[in-house]
All heavy atoms as atom14 arrays in JSON, in Angstrom:
{
  "sequence": "IVTNNLPAALVLADRPRLTVITLPGMIRGLTQASVDGWTTRRL",
  "atom14_mask": [
    [1, 1, 1, 1, 1, 1, 1, 1, 0, 0, 0, 0, 0, 0],
    [1, 1, 1, 1, 1, 1, 1, 0, 0, 0, 0, 0, 0, 0],
    [1, 1, 1, 1, 1, 1, 1, 0, 0, 0, 0, 0, 0, 0],
    [1, 1, 1, 1, 1, 1, 1, 1, 0, 0, 0, 0, 0, 0],
    [1, 1, 1, 1, 1, 1, 1, 1, 0, 0, 0, 0, 0, 0],
    [1, 1, 1, 1, 1, 1, 1, 1, 0, 0, 0, 0, 0, 0],
    [1, 1, 1, 1, 1, 1, 1, 0, 0, 0, 0, 0, 0, 0],
    [1, 1, 1, 1, 1, 0, 0, 0, 0, 0, 0, 0, 0, 0],
    [1, 1, 1, 1, 1, 0, 0, 0, 0, 0, 0, 0, 0, 0],
    [1, 1, 1, 1, 1, 1, 1, 1, 0, 0, 0, 0, 0, 0],
    [1, 1, 1, 1, 1, 1, 1, 0, 0, 0, 0, 0, 0, 0],
    [1, 1, 1, 1, 1, 1, 1, 1, 0, 0, 0, 0, 0, 0],
    [1, 1, 1, 1, 1, 0, 0, 0, 0, 0, 0, 0, 0, 0],
    [1, 1, 1, 1, 1, 1, 1, 1, 0, 0, 0, 0, 0, 0],
    [1, 1, 1, 1, 1, 1, 1, 1, 1, 1, 1, 0, 0, 0],
    [1, 1, 1, 1, 1, 1, 1, 0, 0, 0, 0, 0, 0, 0],
    [1, 1, 1, 1, 1, 1, 1, 1, 1, 1, 1, 0, 0, 0],
    [1, 1, 1, 1, 1, 1, 1, 1, 0, 0, 0, 0, 0, 0],
    [1, 1, 1, 1, 1, 1, 1, 0, 0, 0, 0, 0, 0, 0],
    [1, 1, 1, 1, 1, 1, 1, 0, 0, 0, 0, 0, 0, 0],
    [1, 1, 1, 1, 1, 1, 1, 1, 0, 0, 0, 0, 0, 0],
    [1, 1, 1, 1, 1, 1, 1, 0, 0, 0, 0, 0, 0, 0],
    [1, 1, 1, 1, 1, 1, 1, 1, 0, 0, 0, 0, 0, 0],
    [1, 1, 1, 1, 1, 1, 1, 0, 0, 0, 0, 0, 0, 0],
    [1, 1, 1, 1, 0, 0, 0, 0, 0, 0, 0, 0, 0, 0],
    [1, 1, 1, 1, 1, 1, 1, 1, 0, 0, 0, 0, 0, 0],
    [1, 1, 1, 1, 1, 1, 1, 1, 0, 0, 0, 0, 0, 0],
    [1, 1, 1, 1, 1, 1, 1, 1, 1, 1, 1, 0, 0, 0],
    [1, 1, 1, 1, 0, 0, 0, 0, 0, 0, 0, 0, 0, 0],
    [1, 1, 1, 1, 1, 1, 1, 1, 0, 0, 0, 0, 0, 0],
    [1, 1, 1, 1, 1, 1, 1, 0, 0, 0, 0, 0, 0, 0],
    [1, 1, 1, 1, 1, 1, 1, 1, 1, 0, 0, 0, 0, 0],
    [1, 1, 1, 1, 1, 0, 0, 0, 0, 0, 0, 0, 0, 0],
    [1, 1, 1, 1, 1, 1, 0, 0, 0, 0, 0, 0, 0, 0],
    [1, 1, 1, 1, 1, 1, 1, 0, 0, 0, 0, 0, 0, 0],
    [1, 1, 1, 1, 1, 1, 1, 1, 0, 0, 0, 0, 0, 0],
    [1, 1, 1, 1, 0, 0, 0, 0, 0, 0, 0, 0, 0, 0],
    [1, 1, 1, 1, 1, 1, 1, 1, 1, 1, 1, 1, 1, 1],
    [1, 1, 1, 1, 1, 1, 1, 0, 0, 0, 0, 0, 0, 0],
    [1, 1, 1, 1, 1, 1, 1, 0, 0, 0, 0, 0, 0, 0],
    [1, 1, 1, 1, 1, 1, 1, 1, 1, 1, 1, 0, 0, 0],
    [1, 1, 1, 1, 1, 1, 1, 1, 1, 1, 1, 0, 0, 0],
    [1, 1, 1, 1, 1, 1, 1, 1, 0, 0, 0, 0, 0, 0]
  ],
  "atom14_positions": [
    [[123.88, 134.0, 97.14], [122.59, 133.69, 97.78], [122.87, 132.92, 99.07], [123.45, 131.83, 99.03], [121.68, 132.86, 96.86], [121.54, 133.52, 95.48], [120.32, 132.64, 97.52], [120.89, 134.88, 95.5], [0.0, 0.0, 0.0], [0.0, 0.0, 0.0], [0.0, 0.0, 0.0], [0.0, 0.0, 0.0], [0.0, 0.0, 0.0], [0.0, 0.0, 0.0]],
    [[122.47, 133.48, 100.18], [122.6, 132.83, 101.49], [121.2, 132.36, 101.88], [120.27, 133.17, 101.95], [123.15, 133.8, 102.55], [123.26, 133.1, 103.9], [124.5, 134.35, 102.11], [0.0, 0.0, 0.0], [0.0, 0.0, 0.0], [0.0, 0.0, 0.0], [0.0, 0.0, 0.0], [0.0, 0.0, 0.0], [0.0, 0.0, 0.0], [0.0, 0.0, 0.0]],
    [[121.04, 131.06, 102.13], [119.68, 130.56, 102.36], [119.67, 129.4, 103.35], [120.64, 128.64, 103.46], [119.03, 130.13, 101.03], [117.65, 129.78, 101.26], [119.75, 128.94, 100.4], [0.0, 0.0, 0.0], [0.0, 0.0, 0.0], [0.0, 0.0, 0.0], [0.0, 0.0, 0.0], [0.0, 0.0, 0.0], [0.0, 0.0, 0.0], [0.0, 0.0, 0.0]],
    [[118.56, 129.28, 104.05], [118.28, 128.08, 104.86], [117.27, 127.19, 104.18], [116.8, 126.2, 104.75], [117.76, 128.49, 106.24], [116.39, 129.14, 106.19], [115.99, 129.71, 105.17], [115.65, 129.09, 107.29], [0.0, 0.0, 0.0], [0.0, 0.0, 0.0], [0.0, 0.0, 0.0], [0.0, 0.0, 0.0], [0.0, 0.0, 0.0], [0.0, 0.0, 0.0]],
    [[116.92, 127.53, 102.94], [115.88, 126.86, 102.15], [116.54, 125.75, 101.32], [117.08, 126.01, 100.25], [115.2, 127.91, 101.25], [113.99, 127.4, 100.52], [113.91, 126.22, 100.18], [113.06, 128.29, 100.24], [0.0, 0.0, 0.0], [0.0, 0.0, 0.0], [0.0, 0.0, 0.0], [0.0, 0.0, 0.0], [0.0, 0.0, 0.0], [0.0, 0.0, 0.0]],
    [[116.51, 124.51, 101.82], [117.24, 123.44, 101.15], [116.71, 123.14, 99.74], [117.52, 122.96, 98.82], [117.22, 122.17, 102.01], [117.97, 122.26, 103.34], [118.07, 120.89, 103.98], [119.34, 122.88, 103.18], [0.0, 0.0, 0.0], [0.0, 0.0, 0.0], [0.0, 0.0, 0.0], [0.0, 0.0, 0.0], [0.0, 0.0, 0.0], [0.0, 0.0, 0.0]],
    [[115.4, 123.07, 99.51], [114.93, 122.85, 98.14], [115.39, 123.96, 97.19], [115.77, 123.7, 96.05], [113.4, 122.83, 98.27], [113.16, 122.42, 99.69], [114.26, 123.04, 100.47], [0.0, 0.0, 0.0], [0.0, 0.0, 0.0], [0.0, 0.0, 0.0], [0.0, 0.0, 0.0], [0.0, 0.0, 0.0], [0.0, 0.0, 0.0], [0.0, 0.0, 0.0]],
    [[115.39, 125.2, 97.67], [115.85, 126.32, 96.83], [117.34, 126.2, 96.55], [117.79, 126.47, 95.43], [115.54, 127.64, 97.52], [0.0, 0.0, 0.0], [0.0, 0.0, 0.0], [0.0, 0.0, 0.0], [0.0, 0.0, 0.0], [0.0, 0.0, 0.0], [0.0, 0.0, 0.0], [0.0, 0.0, 0.0], [0.0, 0.0, 0.0], [0.0, 0.0, 0.0]],
    [[118.12, 125.81, 97.55], [119.57, 125.68, 97.35], [119.88, 124.65, 96.27], [120.79, 124.84, 95.46], [120.23, 125.29, 98.67], [0.0, 0.0, 0.0], [0.0, 0.0, 0.0], [0.0, 0.0, 0.0], [0.0, 0.0, 0.0], [0.0, 0.0, 0.0], [0.0, 0.0, 0.0], [0.0, 0.0, 0.0], [0.0, 0.0, 0.0], [0.0, 0.0, 0.0]],
    [[119.13, 123.57, 96.24], [119.35, 122.54, 95.21], [119.05, 123.08, 93.82], [119.77, 122.78, 92.86], [118.48, 121.31, 95.5], [118.89, 120.47, 96.71], [117.84, 119.4, 96.98], [120.26, 119.84, 96.48], [0.0, 0.0, 0.0], [0.0, 0.0, 0.0], [0.0, 0.0, 0.0], [0.0, 0.0, 0.0], [0.0, 0.0, 0.0], [0.0, 0.0, 0.0]],
    [[118.0, 123.88, 93.7], [117.66, 124.49, 92.41], [118.75, 125.46, 91.97], [119.19, 125.47, 90.82], [116.3, 125.22, 92.5], [116.06, 126.1, 91.28], [115.17, 124.2, 92.63], [0.0, 0.0, 0.0], [0.0, 0.0, 0.0], [0.0, 0.0, 0.0], [0.0, 0.0, 0.0], [0.0, 0.0, 0.0], [0.0, 0.0, 0.0], [0.0, 0.0, 0.0]],
    [[119.23, 126.27, 92.9], [120.19, 127.32, 92.57], [121.6, 126.79, 92.32], [122.41, 127.45, 91.65], [120.23, 128.36, 93.7], [118.91, 129.11, 93.94], [119.03, 129.98, 95.18], [118.54, 129.95, 92.73], [0.0, 0.0, 0.0], [0.0, 0.0, 0.0], [0.0, 0.0, 0.0], [0.0, 0.0, 0.0], [0.0, 0.0, 0.0], [0.0, 0.0, 0.0]],
    [[121.91, 125.62, 92.85], [123.27, 125.08, 92.75], [123.68, 124.82, 91.3], [124.88, 124.76, 91.0], [123.38, 123.8, 93.56], [0.0, 0.0, 0.0], [0.0, 0.0, 0.0], [0.0, 0.0, 0.0], [0.0, 0.0, 0.0], [0.0, 0.0, 0.0], [0.0, 0.0, 0.0], [0.0, 0.0, 0.0], [0.0, 0.0, 0.0], [0.0, 0.0, 0.0]],
    [[122.73, 124.67, 90.38], [123.04, 124.39, 88.98], [123.37, 125.65, 88.17], [123.66, 125.54, 86.98], [121.86, 123.67, 88.31], [121.75, 122.23, 88.79], [122.78, 121.66, 89.2], [120.63, 121.69, 88.75], [0.0, 0.0, 0.0], [0.0, 0.0, 0.0], [0.0, 0.0, 0.0], [0.0, 0.0, 0.0], [0.0, 0.0, 0.0], [0.0, 0.0, 0.0]],
    [[123.29, 126.83, 88.79], [123.53, 128.07, 88.05], [124.96, 128.54, 88.3], [125.3, 128.97, 89.41], [122.51, 129.12, 88.47], [121.11, 128.62, 88.1], [120.01, 129.53, 88.49], [118.75, 128.79, 88.41], [117.6, 129.25, 88.81], [117.51, 130.45, 89.32], [116.51, 128.52, 88.71], [0.0, 0.0, 0.0], [0.0, 0.0, 0.0], [0.0, 0.0, 0.0]],
    [[125.82, 128.47, 87.3], [127.27, 128.64, 87.51], [127.68, 130.02, 88.0], [128.7, 130.15, 88.69], [127.87, 128.33, 86.14], [126.76, 128.5, 85.16], [125.51, 128.12, 85.89], [0.0, 0.0, 0.0], [0.0, 0.0, 0.0], [0.0, 0.0, 0.0], [0.0, 0.0, 0.0], [0.0, 0.0, 0.0], [0.0, 0.0, 0.0], [0.0, 0.0, 0.0]],
    [[126.92, 131.07, 87.7], [127.34, 132.41, 88.09], [126.86, 132.78, 89.5], [127.31, 133.78, 90.06], [126.84, 133.44, 87.08], [127.39, 133.2, 85.66], [126.9, 134.25, 84.68], [127.5, 135.56, 84.95], [127.03, 136.7, 84.45], [125.94, 136.69, 83.68], [127.63, 137.84, 84.7], [0.0, 0.0, 0.0], [0.0, 0.0, 0.0], [0.0, 0.0, 0.0]],
    [[125.98, 131.99, 90.05], [125.53, 132.22, 91.42], [126.48, 131.52, 92.39], [126.95, 130.41, 92.14], [124.12, 131.65, 91.63], [122.94, 132.36, 90.98], [121.67, 131.59, 91.29], [122.83, 133.8, 91.45], [0.0, 0.0, 0.0], [0.0, 0.0, 0.0], [0.0, 0.0, 0.0], [0.0, 0.0, 0.0], [0.0, 0.0, 0.0], [0.0, 0.0, 0.0]],
    [[126.72, 132.18, 93.53], [127.39, 131.53, 94.67], [126.32, 131.24, 95.7], [125.62, 132.16, 96.16], [128.46, 132.44, 95.26], [129.44, 132.72, 94.27], [129.13, 131.77, 96.46], [0.0, 0.0, 0.0], [0.0, 0.0, 0.0], [0.0, 0.0, 0.0], [0.0, 0.0, 0.0], [0.0, 0.0, 0.0], [0.0, 0.0, 0.0], [0.0, 0.0, 0.0]],
    [[126.15, 129.98, 96.06], [125.08, 129.57, 96.98], [125.7, 129.12, 98.3], [126.55, 128.22, 98.32], [124.22, 128.45, 96.38], [123.09, 128.08, 97.35], [123.64, 128.89, 95.03], [0.0, 0.0, 0.0], [0.0, 0.0, 0.0], [0.0, 0.0, 0.0], [0.0, 0.0, 0.0], [0.0, 0.0, 0.0], [0.0, 0.0, 0.0], [0.0, 0.0, 0.0]],
    [[125.29, 129.75, 99.38], [125.75, 129.4, 100.72], [124.55, 128.94, 101.53], [123.58, 129.69, 101.69], [126.43, 130.59, 101.42], [127.64, 131.06, 100.61], [126.82, 130.24, 102.85], [128.26, 132.34, 101.14], [0.0, 0.0, 0.0], [0.0, 0.0, 0.0], [0.0, 0.0, 0.0], [0.0, 0.0, 0.0], [0.0, 0.0, 0.0], [0.0, 0.0, 0.0]],
    [[124.6, 127.71, 102.02], [123.51, 127.21, 102.86], [123.84, 127.45, 104.33], [124.98, 127.27, 104.76], [123.27, 125.71, 102.63], [124.5, 125.0, 102.81], [122.73, 125.46, 101.24], [0.0, 0.0, 0.0], [0.0, 0.0, 0.0], [0.0, 0.0, 0.0], [0.0, 0.0, 0.0], [0.0, 0.0, 0.0], [0.0, 0.0, 0.0], [0.0, 0.0, 0.0]],
    [[122.84, 127.87, 105.07], [123.02, 128.16, 106.49], [123.03, 126.87, 107.31], [122.27, 125.93, 107.0], [121.91, 129.08, 106.97], [121.99, 130.52, 106.44], [120.66, 131.23, 106.61], [123.11, 131.27, 107.14], [0.0, 0.0, 0.0], [0.0, 0.0, 0.0], [0.0, 0.0, 0.0], [0.0, 0.0, 0.0], [0.0, 0.0, 0.0], [0.0, 0.0, 0.0]],
    [[123.85, 126.8, 108.36], [123.9, 125.6, 109.18], [122.69, 125.5, 110.1], [121.96, 126.48, 110.29], [125.18, 125.79, 109.98], [125.28, 127.28, 110.14], [124.75, 127.85, 108.85], [0.0, 0.0, 0.0], [0.0, 0.0, 0.0], [0.0, 0.0, 0.0], [0.0, 0.0, 0.0], [0.0, 0.0, 0.0], [0.0, 0.0, 0.0], [0.0, 0.0, 0.0]],
    [[122.5, 124.33, 110.67], [121.45, 124.16, 111.66], [120.65, 122.9, 111.45], [120.79, 122.2, 110.44], [0.0, 0.0, 0.0], [0.0, 0.0, 0.0], [0.0, 0.0, 0.0], [0.0, 0.0, 0.0], [0.0, 0.0, 0.0], [0.0, 0.0, 0.0], [0.0, 0.0, 0.0], [0.0, 0.0, 0.0], [0.0, 0.0, 0.0], [0.0, 0.0, 0.0]],
    [[119.81, 122.59, 112.42], [118.94, 121.42, 112.36], [117.84, 121.65, 111.33], [117.25, 122.73, 111.26], [118.31, 121.17, 113.73], [117.44, 119.93, 113.8], [116.72, 119.71, 115.44], [115.62, 121.12, 115.53], [0.0, 0.0, 0.0], [0.0, 0.0, 0.0], [0.0, 0.0, 0.0], [0.0, 0.0, 0.0], [0.0, 0.0, 0.0], [0.0, 0.0, 0.0]],
    [[117.55, 120.63, 110.53], [116.54, 120.75, 109.48], [115.16, 120.47, 110.07], [114.92, 119.42, 110.67], [116.82, 119.78, 108.32], [118.23, 120.01, 107.77], [115.78, 119.94, 107.23], [118.49, 121.42, 107.3], [0.0, 0.0, 0.0], [0.0, 0.0, 0.0], [0.0, 0.0, 0.0], [0.0, 0.0, 0.0], [0.0, 0.0, 0.0], [0.0, 0.0, 0.0]],
    [[114.26, 121.4, 109.87], [112.86, 121.22, 110.29], [112.1, 120.61, 109.11], [111.98, 121.22, 108.05], [112.26, 122.57, 110.68], [110.88, 122.47, 111.28], [110.49, 123.78, 111.96], [109.15, 123.66, 112.5], [108.08, 124.33, 112.06], [108.23, 125.18, 111.06], [106.9, 124.14, 112.59], [0.0, 0.0, 0.0], [0.0, 0.0, 0.0], [0.0, 0.0, 0.0]],
    [[111.6, 119.39, 109.31], [111.02, 118.64, 108.21], [109.84, 119.32, 107.54], [109.69, 119.24, 106.32], [0.0, 0.0, 0.0], [0.0, 0.0, 0.0], [0.0, 0.0, 0.0], [0.0, 0.0, 0.0], [0.0, 0.0, 0.0], [0.0, 0.0, 0.0], [0.0, 0.0, 0.0], [0.0, 0.0, 0.0], [0.0, 0.0, 0.0], [0.0, 0.0, 0.0]],
    [[109.01, 120.0, 108.31], [107.8, 120.61, 107.77], [108.12, 121.68, 106.73], [107.43, 121.81, 105.72], [106.97, 121.21, 108.91], [105.54, 121.62, 108.57], [104.69, 120.43, 108.18], [104.92, 122.34, 109.76], [0.0, 0.0, 0.0], [0.0, 0.0, 0.0], [0.0, 0.0, 0.0], [0.0, 0.0, 0.0], [0.0, 0.0, 0.0], [0.0, 0.0, 0.0]],
    [[109.2, 122.45, 106.97], [109.57, 123.52, 106.05], [110.82, 123.21, 105.24], [111.19, 124.01, 104.37], [109.8, 124.83, 106.83], [110.81, 124.6, 107.84], [108.53, 125.3, 107.49], [0.0, 0.0, 0.0], [0.0, 0.0, 0.0], [0.0, 0.0, 0.0], [0.0, 0.0, 0.0], [0.0, 0.0, 0.0], [0.0, 0.0, 0.0], [0.0, 0.0, 0.0]],
    [[111.49, 122.09, 105.56], [112.73, 121.71, 104.88], [113.75, 122.85, 104.95], [114.41, 123.19, 103.96], [112.46, 121.28, 103.44], [111.58, 120.03, 103.36], [111.29, 119.6, 101.94], [112.11, 119.77, 101.05], [110.1, 119.03, 101.72], [0.0, 0.0, 0.0], [0.0, 0.0, 0.0], [0.0, 0.0, 0.0], [0.0, 0.0, 0.0], [0.0, 0.0, 0.0]],
    [[113.88, 123.41, 106.13], [114.77, 124.55, 106.35], [115.63, 124.32, 107.58], [115.21, 123.65, 108.53], [113.94, 125.82, 106.54], [0.0, 0.0, 0.0], [0.0, 0.0, 0.0], [0.0, 0.0, 0.0], [0.0, 0.0, 0.0], [0.0, 0.0, 0.0], [0.0, 0.0, 0.0], [0.0, 0.0, 0.0], [0.0, 0.0, 0.0], [0.0, 0.0, 0.0]],
    [[116.84, 124.9, 107.56], [117.69, 124.85, 108.75], [117.25, 125.96, 109.7], [117.19, 127.13, 109.33], [119.16, 125.02, 108.35], [119.34, 126.14, 107.52], [0.0, 0.0, 0.0], [0.0, 0.0, 0.0], [0.0, 0.0, 0.0], [0.0, 0.0, 0.0], [0.0, 0.0, 0.0], [0.0, 0.0, 0.0], [0.0, 0.0, 0.0], [0.0, 0.0, 0.0]],
    [[116.9, 125.55, 110.91], [116.29, 126.48, 111.86], [116.74, 126.11, 113.28], [116.17, 125.21, 113.9], [114.75, 126.43, 111.8], [114.14, 127.44, 112.76], [114.24, 126.69, 110.4], [0.0, 0.0, 0.0], [0.0, 0.0, 0.0], [0.0, 0.0, 0.0], [0.0, 0.0, 0.0], [0.0, 0.0, 0.0], [0.0, 0.0, 0.0], [0.0, 0.0, 0.0]],
    [[117.75, 126.77, 113.78], [118.1, 126.65, 115.2], [119.11, 127.72, 115.56], [119.34, 128.67, 114.8], [118.59, 125.24, 115.55], [119.94, 124.89, 114.95], [120.56, 125.74, 114.29], [120.39, 123.74, 115.14], [0.0, 0.0, 0.0], [0.0, 0.0, 0.0], [0.0, 0.0, 0.0], [0.0, 0.0, 0.0], [0.0, 0.0, 0.0], [0.0, 0.0, 0.0]],
    [[119.74, 127.59, 116.73], [120.68, 128.59, 117.18], [121.89, 128.74, 116.28], [122.43, 129.84, 116.13], [0.0, 0.0, 0.0], [0.0, 0.0, 0.0], [0.0, 0.0, 0.0], [0.0, 0.0, 0.0], [0.0, 0.0, 0.0], [0.0, 0.0, 0.0], [0.0, 0.0, 0.0], [0.0, 0.0, 0.0], [0.0, 0.0, 0.0], [0.0, 0.0, 0.0]],
    [[122.36, 127.65, 115.68], [123.48, 127.75, 114.74], [123.1, 128.65, 113.56], [123.91, 129.43, 113.08], [123.86, 126.37, 114.22], [124.6, 125.52, 115.2], [125.02, 125.89, 116.44], [125.01, 124.17, 115.02], [125.65, 124.84, 117.05], [125.66, 123.77, 116.21], [124.87, 123.25, 113.98], [126.19, 122.5, 116.38], [125.4, 121.98, 114.15], [126.04, 121.6, 115.33]],
    [[121.86, 128.5, 113.09], [121.4, 129.3, 111.95], [121.43, 130.79, 112.29], [121.96, 131.6, 111.52], [119.98, 128.88, 111.54], [119.85, 127.46, 111.6], [119.66, 129.35, 110.13], [0.0, 0.0, 0.0], [0.0, 0.0, 0.0], [0.0, 0.0, 0.0], [0.0, 0.0, 0.0], [0.0, 0.0, 0.0], [0.0, 0.0, 0.0], [0.0, 0.0, 0.0]],
    [[120.85, 131.14, 113.43], [120.79, 132.55, 113.8], [122.18, 133.13, 114.07], [122.46, 134.27, 113.7], [119.88, 132.77, 115.01], [120.32, 131.93, 116.1], [118.44, 132.42, 114.69], [0.0, 0.0, 0.0], [0.0, 0.0, 0.0], [0.0, 0.0, 0.0], [0.0, 0.0, 0.0], [0.0, 0.0, 0.0], [0.0, 0.0, 0.0], [0.0, 0.0, 0.0]],
    [[123.04, 132.32, 114.7], [124.39, 132.83, 115.0], [125.17, 133.1, 113.71], [125.92, 134.08, 113.64], [125.14, 131.85, 115.89], [124.69, 131.88, 117.34], [125.64, 131.15, 118.26], [125.65, 129.72, 118.01], [124.82, 128.86, 118.56], [123.87, 129.29, 119.38], [124.91, 127.56, 118.31], [0.0, 0.0, 0.0], [0.0, 0.0, 0.0], [0.0, 0.0, 0.0]],
    [[125.01, 132.25, 112.7], [125.7, 132.5, 111.43], [125.18, 133.78, 110.78], [125.94, 134.59, 110.24], [125.52, 131.31, 110.5], [126.24, 131.43, 109.16], [127.75, 131.55, 109.33], [128.43, 131.63, 108.06], [128.84, 130.59, 107.34], [128.62, 129.36, 107.79], [129.47, 130.75, 106.21], [0.0, 0.0, 0.0], [0.0, 0.0, 0.0], [0.0, 0.0, 0.0]],
    [[123.87, 133.98, 110.82], [123.28, 135.18, 110.23], [123.78, 136.45, 110.92], [123.93, 137.49, 110.28], [121.75, 135.1, 110.3], [121.09, 134.18, 109.29], [119.66, 133.85, 109.71], [121.1, 134.81, 107.89], [0.0, 0.0, 0.0], [0.0, 0.0, 0.0], [0.0, 0.0, 0.0], [0.0, 0.0, 0.0], [0.0, 0.0, 0.0], [0.0, 0.0, 0.0]]
  ]
}
């Protein structure tokens, strides 16, 4: 699971068979997501 959704990443991190990759970037407080040029470049 590749995500910029930080609350979702925390939920998924406890599941041993899932591999969770969080996307880099500045966190936007309103959505609690990484959203900037670093994020798009990684994608």
